[in-house]
Amino acid sequence: MKKLIYSLLFFAVILNAGMNNNNEIQIQQIKNMSAEEFSRLLASETSKSLPITLDAVTTVIKSIAFGKSVQYYKTLNLEHPRLKEIWDTKKEEFKVALFEQDSKMVCYTELLNYMIVNKNVVLKYFYTDTNHRPLFNYSVEKEDCLKFK
């Protein structure tokens, strides 16, 4: 999970590397981007680090921008002993827990929260199994981040 957060924030630091040493100015320049520009930049920078293994069962395999949204494609290893029983018996609770985890991660990250709340950027998550069969999906958007204020 930390690797994904660092990847998301890494682009903010390298965006103007060598041009300005003031991080606040760099972040302000990113905040001034349109939602579409930000989405393209975020997806592009995240893609440079893929695949990103988040934990023993979850891997981010693709990141693409589409308009004001960034779409993340993650695989879950449903055969892993840690996940197999949970998936078989508590699938709906597990989906809710993942949504809460992803929502908190992005909504508590200052730059992402700003872009979601103020520029209507939407982060979409698509989960598949390791054979690329769709499992579920959801979006994190403005209304979700406003709940954490």
N, C-alpha and C. Protein backbone atom coordinates (compact mmCIF):
# COMPACT_ATOMS: atom_id res chain seq x y z
N MET A 1 0.82 -1.18 0.00
CA MET A 1 0.00 0.00 0.00
C MET A 1 0.87 1.25 0.00
N LYS A 2 1.95 1.22 0.82
CA LYS A 2 2.83 2.39 0.88
C LYS A 2 3.43 2.68 -0.49
N LYS A 3 3.77 1.62 -1.24
CA LYS A 3 4.38 1.82 -2.55
C LYS A 3 3.43 2.57 -3.48
N LEU A 4 2.14 2.27 -3.42
CA LEU A 4 1.16 2.97 -4.25
C LEU A 4 1.05 4.42 -3.83
N ILE A 5 1.00 4.67 -2.54
CA ILE A 5 0.93 6.06 -2.06
C ILE A 5 2.15 6.82 -2.51
N TYR A 6 3.33 6.21 -2.35
CA TYR A 6 4.56 6.89 -2.77
C TYR A 6 4.56 7.13 -4.28
N SER A 7 4.03 6.19 -5.04
CA SER A 7 3.96 6.39 -6.50
C SER A 7 3.04 7.54 -6.84
N LEU A 8 1.91 7.63 -6.12
CA LEU A 8 0.96 8.71 -6.38
C LEU A 8 1.56 10.07 -6.04
N LEU A 9 2.34 10.11 -4.98
CA LEU A 9 2.93 11.38 -4.56
C LEU A 9 4.25 11.67 -5.27
N PHE A 10 4.91 10.64 -5.75
CA PHE A 10 6.20 10.79 -6.42
C PHE A 10 6.11 11.75 -7.59
N PHE A 11 5.05 11.62 -8.37
CA PHE A 11 4.92 12.48 -9.55
C PHE A 11 4.85 13.95 -9.16
N ALA A 12 4.32 14.24 -7.98
CA ALA A 12 4.23 15.64 -7.54
C ALA A 12 5.62 16.23 -7.34
N VAL A 13 6.52 15.42 -6.87
CA VAL A 13 7.87 15.89 -6.63
C VAL A 13 8.66 16.01 -7.93
N ILE A 14 8.50 15.04 -8.83
CA ILE A 14 9.30 15.06 -10.05
C ILE A 14 8.72 15.94 -11.14
N LEU A 15 7.49 16.35 -10.98
CA LEU A 15 6.83 17.13 -12.03
C LEU A 15 7.67 18.33 -12.44
N ASN A 16 8.18 19.05 -11.48
CA ASN A 16 8.98 20.23 -11.79
C ASN A 16 10.39 20.11 -11.24
N ALA A 17 10.91 18.89 -11.22
CA ALA A 17 12.24 18.66 -10.66
C ALA A 17 13.26 19.56 -11.35
N GLY A 18 14.08 20.20 -10.55
CA GLY A 18 15.11 21.07 -11.07
C GLY A 18 14.63 22.46 -11.43
N MET A 19 13.33 22.66 -11.52
CA MET A 19 12.80 23.97 -11.90
C MET A 19 12.55 24.83 -10.67
N ASN A 20 12.13 24.19 -9.58
CA ASN A 20 11.80 24.96 -8.39
C ASN A 20 11.94 24.04 -7.19
N ASN A 21 12.68 24.46 -6.20
CA ASN A 21 12.88 23.64 -5.01
C ASN A 21 11.78 23.80 -3.98
N ASN A 22 10.85 24.67 -4.20
CA ASN A 22 9.78 24.93 -3.25
C ASN A 22 8.63 23.97 -3.51
N ASN A 23 8.45 22.98 -2.60
CA ASN A 23 7.43 21.95 -2.76
C ASN A 23 6.03 22.54 -2.78
N GLU A 24 5.77 23.59 -2.00
CA GLU A 24 4.44 24.20 -1.98
C GLU A 24 4.07 24.78 -3.33
N ILE A 25 5.03 25.39 -4.00
CA ILE A 25 4.77 25.94 -5.33
C ILE A 25 4.48 24.80 -6.31
N GLN A 26 5.22 23.71 -6.22
CA GLN A 26 4.98 22.56 -7.11
C GLN A 26 3.58 22.00 -6.89
N ILE A 27 3.18 21.83 -5.65
CA ILE A 27 1.86 21.30 -5.37
C ILE A 27 0.79 22.27 -5.86
N GLN A 28 1.02 23.56 -5.71
CA GLN A 28 0.05 24.54 -6.20
C GLN A 28 -0.07 24.47 -7.72
N GLN A 29 1.04 24.24 -8.41
CA GLN A 29 0.99 24.10 -9.87
C GLN A 29 0.16 22.89 -10.27
N ILE A 30 0.28 21.81 -9.53
CA ILE A 30 -0.52 20.62 -9.82
C ILE A 30 -1.98 20.91 -9.54
N LYS A 31 -2.28 21.59 -8.44
CA LYS A 31 -3.67 21.92 -8.11
C LYS A 31 -4.29 22.82 -9.17
N ASN A 32 -3.47 23.57 -9.87
CA ASN A 32 -3.98 24.45 -10.93
C ASN A 32 -4.25 23.72 -12.24
N MET A 33 -3.85 22.47 -12.34
CA MET A 33 -4.11 21.69 -13.55
C MET A 33 -5.61 21.42 -13.69
N SER A 34 -6.02 21.18 -14.91
CA SER A 34 -7.40 20.74 -15.11
C SER A 34 -7.51 19.30 -14.62
N ALA A 35 -8.72 18.86 -14.37
CA ALA A 35 -8.95 17.49 -13.92
C ALA A 35 -8.43 16.49 -14.94
N GLU A 36 -8.61 16.79 -16.21
CA GLU A 36 -8.16 15.88 -17.27
C GLU A 36 -6.63 15.79 -17.30
N GLU A 37 -5.95 16.94 -17.17
CA GLU A 37 -4.48 16.94 -17.15
C GLU A 37 -3.96 16.16 -15.95
N PHE A 38 -4.56 16.41 -14.80
CA PHE A 38 -4.15 15.72 -13.58
C PHE A 38 -4.35 14.22 -13.72
N SER A 39 -5.49 13.81 -14.24
CA SER A 39 -5.78 12.38 -14.41
C SER A 39 -4.75 11.72 -15.32
N ARG A 40 -4.43 12.39 -16.43
CA ARG A 40 -3.42 11.83 -17.35
C ARG A 40 -2.07 11.71 -16.66
N LEU A 41 -1.68 12.75 -15.93
CA LEU A 41 -0.40 12.73 -15.25
C LEU A 41 -0.36 11.65 -14.18
N LEU A 42 -1.40 11.55 -13.38
CA LEU A 42 -1.46 10.55 -12.31
C LEU A 42 -1.39 9.14 -12.88
N ALA A 43 -2.17 8.87 -13.91
CA ALA A 43 -2.16 7.54 -14.52
C ALA A 43 -0.80 7.23 -15.14
N SER A 44 -0.23 8.20 -15.82
CA SER A 44 1.06 8.01 -16.46
C SER A 44 2.17 7.72 -15.45
N GLU A 45 2.22 8.51 -14.39
CA GLU A 45 3.26 8.32 -13.38
C GLU A 45 3.07 7.02 -12.61
N THR A 46 1.83 6.66 -12.33
CA THR A 46 1.57 5.39 -11.65
C THR A 46 1.98 4.23 -12.54
N SER A 47 1.68 4.32 -13.83
CA SER A 47 2.00 3.25 -14.77
C SER A 47 3.49 2.95 -14.83
N LYS A 48 4.30 3.94 -14.57
CA LYS A 48 5.75 3.74 -14.62
C LYS A 48 6.24 2.78 -13.54
N SER A 49 5.46 2.60 -12.48
CA SER A 49 5.86 1.74 -11.36
C SER A 49 5.17 0.38 -11.38
N LEU A 50 4.35 0.13 -12.37
CA LEU A 50 3.56 -1.11 -12.40
C LEU A 50 4.38 -2.30 -12.86
N PRO A 51 4.02 -3.48 -12.38
CA PRO A 51 2.98 -3.78 -11.39
C PRO A 51 3.43 -3.38 -9.99
N ILE A 52 2.47 -3.04 -9.15
CA ILE A 52 2.74 -2.67 -7.77
C ILE A 52 2.06 -3.71 -6.88
N THR A 53 2.85 -4.45 -6.15
CA THR A 53 2.32 -5.43 -5.21
C THR A 53 1.99 -4.70 -3.92
N LEU A 54 0.71 -4.68 -3.56
CA LEU A 54 0.26 -3.96 -2.37
C LEU A 54 0.38 -4.81 -1.12
N ASP A 55 0.07 -6.08 -1.26
CA ASP A 55 0.16 -7.02 -0.14
C ASP A 55 0.23 -8.43 -0.73
N ALA A 56 0.08 -9.43 0.11
CA ALA A 56 0.22 -10.82 -0.34
C ALA A 56 -0.84 -11.25 -1.35
N VAL A 57 -1.94 -10.51 -1.44
CA VAL A 57 -3.03 -10.93 -2.32
C VAL A 57 -3.42 -9.92 -3.39
N THR A 58 -2.91 -8.69 -3.31
CA THR A 58 -3.37 -7.61 -4.19
C THR A 58 -2.22 -7.00 -4.98
N THR A 59 -2.44 -6.86 -6.30
CA THR A 59 -1.45 -6.24 -7.18
C THR A 59 -2.16 -5.27 -8.11
N VAL A 60 -1.62 -4.05 -8.23
CA VAL A 60 -2.11 -3.09 -9.21
C VAL A 60 -1.41 -3.43 -10.52
N ILE A 61 -2.18 -3.69 -11.57
CA ILE A 61 -1.58 -4.11 -12.83
C ILE A 61 -1.70 -3.08 -13.96
N LYS A 62 -2.65 -2.15 -13.81
CA LYS A 62 -2.83 -1.17 -14.89
C LYS A 62 -3.45 0.10 -14.31
N SER A 63 -3.07 1.22 -14.93
CA SER A 63 -3.62 2.52 -14.54
C SER A 63 -3.80 3.32 -15.82
N ILE A 64 -5.03 3.78 -16.07
CA ILE A 64 -5.28 4.58 -17.27
C ILE A 64 -6.17 5.78 -16.93
N ALA A 65 -5.98 6.83 -17.69
CA ALA A 65 -6.81 8.02 -17.53
C ALA A 65 -7.91 7.98 -18.57
N PHE A 66 -9.07 8.42 -18.16
CA PHE A 66 -10.21 8.53 -19.06
C PHE A 66 -10.99 9.75 -18.64
N GLY A 67 -10.79 10.85 -19.36
CA GLY A 67 -11.44 12.10 -18.99
C GLY A 67 -10.97 12.58 -17.63
N LYS A 68 -11.92 12.79 -16.72
CA LYS A 68 -11.60 13.26 -15.37
C LYS A 68 -11.35 12.10 -14.41
N SER A 69 -11.23 10.90 -14.91
CA SER A 69 -11.06 9.76 -14.02
C SER A 69 -9.73 9.05 -14.27
N VAL A 70 -9.29 8.37 -13.22
CA VAL A 70 -8.16 7.47 -13.31
C VAL A 70 -8.70 6.10 -12.94
N GLN A 71 -8.43 5.13 -13.81
CA GLN A 71 -8.92 3.79 -13.59
C GLN A 71 -7.75 2.90 -13.18
N TYR A 72 -7.92 2.26 -12.02
CA TYR A 72 -6.91 1.33 -11.51
C TYR A 72 -7.44 -0.08 -11.64
N TYR A 73 -6.63 -0.95 -12.18
CA TYR A 73 -6.98 -2.35 -12.33
C TYR A 73 -6.11 -3.15 -11.36
N LYS A 74 -6.79 -3.89 -10.46
CA LYS A 74 -6.10 -4.65 -9.44
C LYS A 74 -6.49 -6.12 -9.55
N THR A 75 -5.53 -6.98 -9.27
CA THR A 75 -5.84 -8.41 -9.22
C THR A 75 -5.82 -8.86 -7.76
N LEU A 76 -6.70 -9.80 -7.46
CA LEU A 76 -6.73 -10.44 -6.15
C LEU A 76 -6.42 -11.92 -6.35
N ASN A 77 -5.51 -12.43 -5.55
CA ASN A 77 -5.19 -13.85 -5.60
C ASN A 77 -6.15 -14.59 -4.68
N LEU A 78 -7.25 -15.04 -5.25
CA LEU A 78 -8.29 -15.71 -4.47
C LEU A 78 -7.87 -17.08 -3.97
N GLU A 79 -6.76 -17.60 -4.47
CA GLU A 79 -6.26 -18.90 -4.03
C GLU A 79 -5.35 -18.77 -2.81
N HIS A 80 -4.97 -17.58 -2.47
CA HIS A 80 -4.10 -17.38 -1.31
C HIS A 80 -4.86 -17.81 -0.05
N PRO A 81 -4.21 -18.58 0.83
CA PRO A 81 -4.92 -19.08 2.03
C PRO A 81 -5.52 -17.96 2.88
N ARG A 82 -4.88 -16.81 2.91
CA ARG A 82 -5.37 -15.69 3.71
C ARG A 82 -6.68 -15.12 3.16
N LEU A 83 -6.87 -15.22 1.87
CA LEU A 83 -8.04 -14.62 1.24
C LEU A 83 -9.12 -15.62 0.88
N LYS A 84 -8.75 -16.86 0.60
CA LYS A 84 -9.71 -17.84 0.10
C LYS A 84 -10.95 -17.98 0.99
N GLU A 85 -10.75 -18.17 2.29
CA GLU A 85 -11.88 -18.35 3.19
C GLU A 85 -12.72 -17.07 3.31
N ILE A 86 -12.05 -15.93 3.37
CA ILE A 86 -12.77 -14.65 3.46
C ILE A 86 -13.63 -14.45 2.22
N TRP A 87 -13.07 -14.72 1.05
CA TRP A 87 -13.81 -14.53 -0.20
C TRP A 87 -15.01 -15.47 -0.26
N ASP A 88 -14.82 -16.71 0.18
CA ASP A 88 -15.91 -17.69 0.13
C ASP A 88 -17.03 -17.40 1.13
N THR A 89 -16.70 -16.80 2.27
CA THR A 89 -17.71 -16.64 3.32
C THR A 89 -18.14 -15.20 3.59
N LYS A 90 -17.27 -14.23 3.30
CA LYS A 90 -17.57 -12.84 3.63
C LYS A 90 -17.25 -11.90 2.47
N LYS A 91 -17.65 -12.29 1.29
CA LYS A 91 -17.33 -11.53 0.08
C LYS A 91 -17.82 -10.09 0.15
N GLU A 92 -19.05 -9.86 0.54
CA GLU A 92 -19.61 -8.50 0.56
C GLU A 92 -18.91 -7.62 1.59
N GLU A 93 -18.62 -8.17 2.76
CA GLU A 93 -17.90 -7.41 3.78
C GLU A 93 -16.50 -7.06 3.30
N PHE A 94 -15.88 -7.99 2.59
CA PHE A 94 -14.54 -7.77 2.06
C PHE A 94 -14.54 -6.63 1.04
N LYS A 95 -15.53 -6.60 0.16
CA LYS A 95 -15.64 -5.52 -0.83
C LYS A 95 -15.80 -4.16 -0.13
N VAL A 96 -16.64 -4.12 0.89
CA VAL A 96 -16.85 -2.88 1.64
C VAL A 96 -15.54 -2.44 2.30
N ALA A 97 -14.81 -3.39 2.87
CA ALA A 97 -13.54 -3.07 3.52
C ALA A 97 -12.53 -2.52 2.52
N LEU A 98 -12.48 -3.09 1.32
CA LEU A 98 -11.56 -2.58 0.30
C LEU A 98 -11.96 -1.17 -0.14
N PHE A 99 -13.25 -0.94 -0.31
CA PHE A 99 -13.71 0.41 -0.67
C PHE A 99 -13.30 1.41 0.41
N GLU A 100 -13.52 1.06 1.66
CA GLU A 100 -13.15 1.96 2.76
C GLU A 100 -11.65 2.21 2.78
N GLN A 101 -10.87 1.17 2.56
CA GLN A 101 -9.42 1.30 2.55
C GLN A 101 -8.95 2.22 1.42
N ASP A 102 -9.44 1.98 0.21
CA ASP A 102 -9.06 2.82 -0.93
C ASP A 102 -9.54 4.25 -0.75
N SER A 103 -10.76 4.42 -0.25
CA SER A 103 -11.31 5.77 -0.03
C SER A 103 -10.47 6.54 0.97
N LYS A 104 -10.16 5.92 2.07
CA LYS A 104 -9.36 6.60 3.10
C LYS A 104 -7.98 6.96 2.57
N MET A 105 -7.37 6.03 1.82
CA MET A 105 -6.03 6.28 1.30
C MET A 105 -6.02 7.54 0.43
N VAL A 106 -6.96 7.67 -0.48
CA VAL A 106 -6.94 8.82 -1.38
C VAL A 106 -7.53 10.07 -0.73
N CYS A 107 -8.55 9.91 0.07
CA CYS A 107 -9.20 11.09 0.67
C CYS A 107 -8.35 11.72 1.76
N TYR A 108 -7.47 10.96 2.38
CA TYR A 108 -6.58 11.52 3.40
C TYR A 108 -5.25 11.99 2.82
N THR A 109 -5.05 11.83 1.52
CA THR A 109 -3.87 12.36 0.84
C THR A 109 -4.25 13.74 0.33
N GLU A 110 -3.59 14.77 0.85
CA GLU A 110 -3.99 16.16 0.61
C GLU A 110 -4.20 16.48 -0.87
N LEU A 111 -3.25 16.16 -1.70
CA LEU A 111 -3.33 16.51 -3.11
C LEU A 111 -4.47 15.77 -3.81
N LEU A 112 -4.60 14.49 -3.55
CA LEU A 112 -5.68 13.71 -4.17
C LEU A 112 -7.04 14.19 -3.67
N ASN A 113 -7.14 14.45 -2.38
CA ASN A 113 -8.39 14.96 -1.84
C ASN A 113 -8.78 16.27 -2.51
N TYR A 114 -7.81 17.17 -2.66
CA TYR A 114 -8.08 18.45 -3.30
C TYR A 114 -8.62 18.23 -4.72
N MET A 115 -7.96 17.37 -5.48
CA MET A 115 -8.36 17.16 -6.87
C MET A 115 -9.73 16.48 -6.97
N ILE A 116 -10.02 15.59 -6.04
CA ILE A 116 -11.32 14.91 -6.05
C ILE A 116 -12.43 15.88 -5.64
N VAL A 117 -12.22 16.59 -4.55
CA VAL A 117 -13.27 17.47 -4.01
C VAL A 117 -13.44 18.73 -4.84
N ASN A 118 -12.35 19.33 -5.29
CA ASN A 118 -12.43 20.62 -5.96
C ASN A 118 -12.45 20.55 -7.48
N LYS A 119 -11.94 19.47 -8.04
CA LYS A 119 -11.89 19.36 -9.51
C LYS A 119 -12.70 18.19 -10.04
N ASN A 120 -13.37 17.48 -9.14
CA ASN A 120 -14.23 16.35 -9.51
C ASN A 120 -13.50 15.21 -10.22
N VAL A 121 -12.25 15.00 -9.86
CA VAL A 121 -11.53 13.82 -10.34
C VAL A 121 -12.16 12.61 -9.67
N VAL A 122 -12.29 11.52 -10.41
CA VAL A 122 -12.86 10.29 -9.88
C VAL A 122 -11.82 9.19 -10.03
N LEU A 123 -11.62 8.43 -8.97
CA LEU A 123 -10.72 7.28 -9.03
C LEU A 123 -11.59 6.03 -9.07
N LYS A 124 -11.40 5.23 -10.12
CA LYS A 124 -12.20 4.02 -10.31
C LYS A 124 -11.30 2.81 -10.12
N TYR A 125 -11.82 1.84 -9.40
CA TYR A 125 -11.06 0.62 -9.10
C TYR A 125 -11.80 -0.58 -9.69
N PHE A 126 -11.07 -1.37 -10.45
CA PHE A 126 -11.61 -2.57 -11.07
C PHE A 126 -10.80 -3.76 -10.57
N TYR A 127 -11.47 -4.68 -9.91
CA TYR A 127 -10.81 -5.85 -9.35
C TYR A 127 -11.11 -7.08 -10.21
N THR A 128 -10.06 -7.85 -10.45
CA THR A 128 -10.19 -9.13 -11.16
C THR A 128 -9.44 -10.18 -10.36
N ASP A 129 -9.68 -11.45 -10.71
CA ASP A 129 -8.86 -12.49 -10.10
C ASP A 129 -7.59 -12.64 -10.93
N THR A 130 -6.73 -13.54 -10.56
CA THR A 130 -5.45 -13.69 -11.27
C THR A 130 -5.62 -14.23 -12.68
N ASN A 131 -6.80 -14.71 -13.01
CA ASN A 131 -7.11 -15.15 -14.39
C ASN A 131 -7.83 -14.05 -15.16
N HIS A 132 -7.85 -12.84 -14.61
CA HIS A 132 -8.45 -11.65 -15.23
C HIS A 132 -9.96 -11.71 -15.36
N ARG A 133 -10.61 -12.53 -14.54
CA ARG A 133 -12.07 -12.55 -14.51
C ARG A 133 -12.55 -11.43 -13.60
N PRO A 134 -13.48 -10.61 -14.07
CA PRO A 134 -13.97 -9.49 -13.25
C PRO A 134 -14.60 -9.98 -11.94
N LEU A 135 -14.29 -9.27 -10.85
CA LEU A 135 -14.87 -9.59 -9.55
C LEU A 135 -15.84 -8.51 -9.10
N PHE A 136 -15.39 -7.26 -9.07
CA PHE A 136 -16.23 -6.14 -8.67
C PHE A 136 -15.49 -4.85 -8.98
N ASN A 137 -16.20 -3.73 -8.86
CA ASN A 137 -15.56 -2.42 -9.06
C ASN A 137 -16.33 -1.38 -8.27
N TYR A 138 -15.67 -0.24 -8.07
CA TYR A 138 -16.29 0.89 -7.41
C TYR A 138 -15.49 2.14 -7.73
N SER A 139 -16.06 3.29 -7.39
CA SER A 139 -15.41 4.57 -7.62
C SER A 139 -15.30 5.33 -6.31
N VAL A 140 -14.24 6.13 -6.21
CA VAL A 140 -14.08 7.06 -5.09
C VAL A 140 -14.22 8.45 -5.70
N GLU A 141 -15.21 9.18 -5.21
CA GLU A 141 -15.46 10.50 -5.76
C GLU A 141 -15.74 11.51 -4.67
N LYS A 142 -16.11 12.68 -5.08
CA LYS A 142 -16.27 13.82 -4.17
C LYS A 142 -17.09 13.49 -2.93
N GLU A 143 -18.25 12.90 -3.10
CA GLU A 143 -19.13 12.60 -1.98
C GLU A 143 -18.45 11.70 -0.95
N ASP A 144 -17.61 10.78 -1.43
CA ASP A 144 -16.91 9.87 -0.52
C ASP A 144 -15.88 10.63 0.33
N CYS A 145 -15.14 11.53 -0.28
CA CYS A 145 -14.13 12.28 0.46
C CYS A 145 -14.76 13.29 1.41
N LEU A 146 -15.91 13.83 1.05
CA LEU A 146 -16.58 14.79 1.94
C LEU A 146 -17.02 14.15 3.25
N LYS A 147 -17.22 12.84 3.25
CA LYS A 147 -17.62 12.12 4.47
C LYS A 147 -16.51 12.13 5.50
N PHE A 148 -15.27 12.31 5.06
CA PHE A 148 -14.12 12.25 5.98
C PHE A 148 -13.76 13.61 6.57
N LYS A 149 -14.48 14.64 6.21
CA LYS A 149 -14.14 15.99 6.71
C LYS A 149 -14.69 16.22 8.08
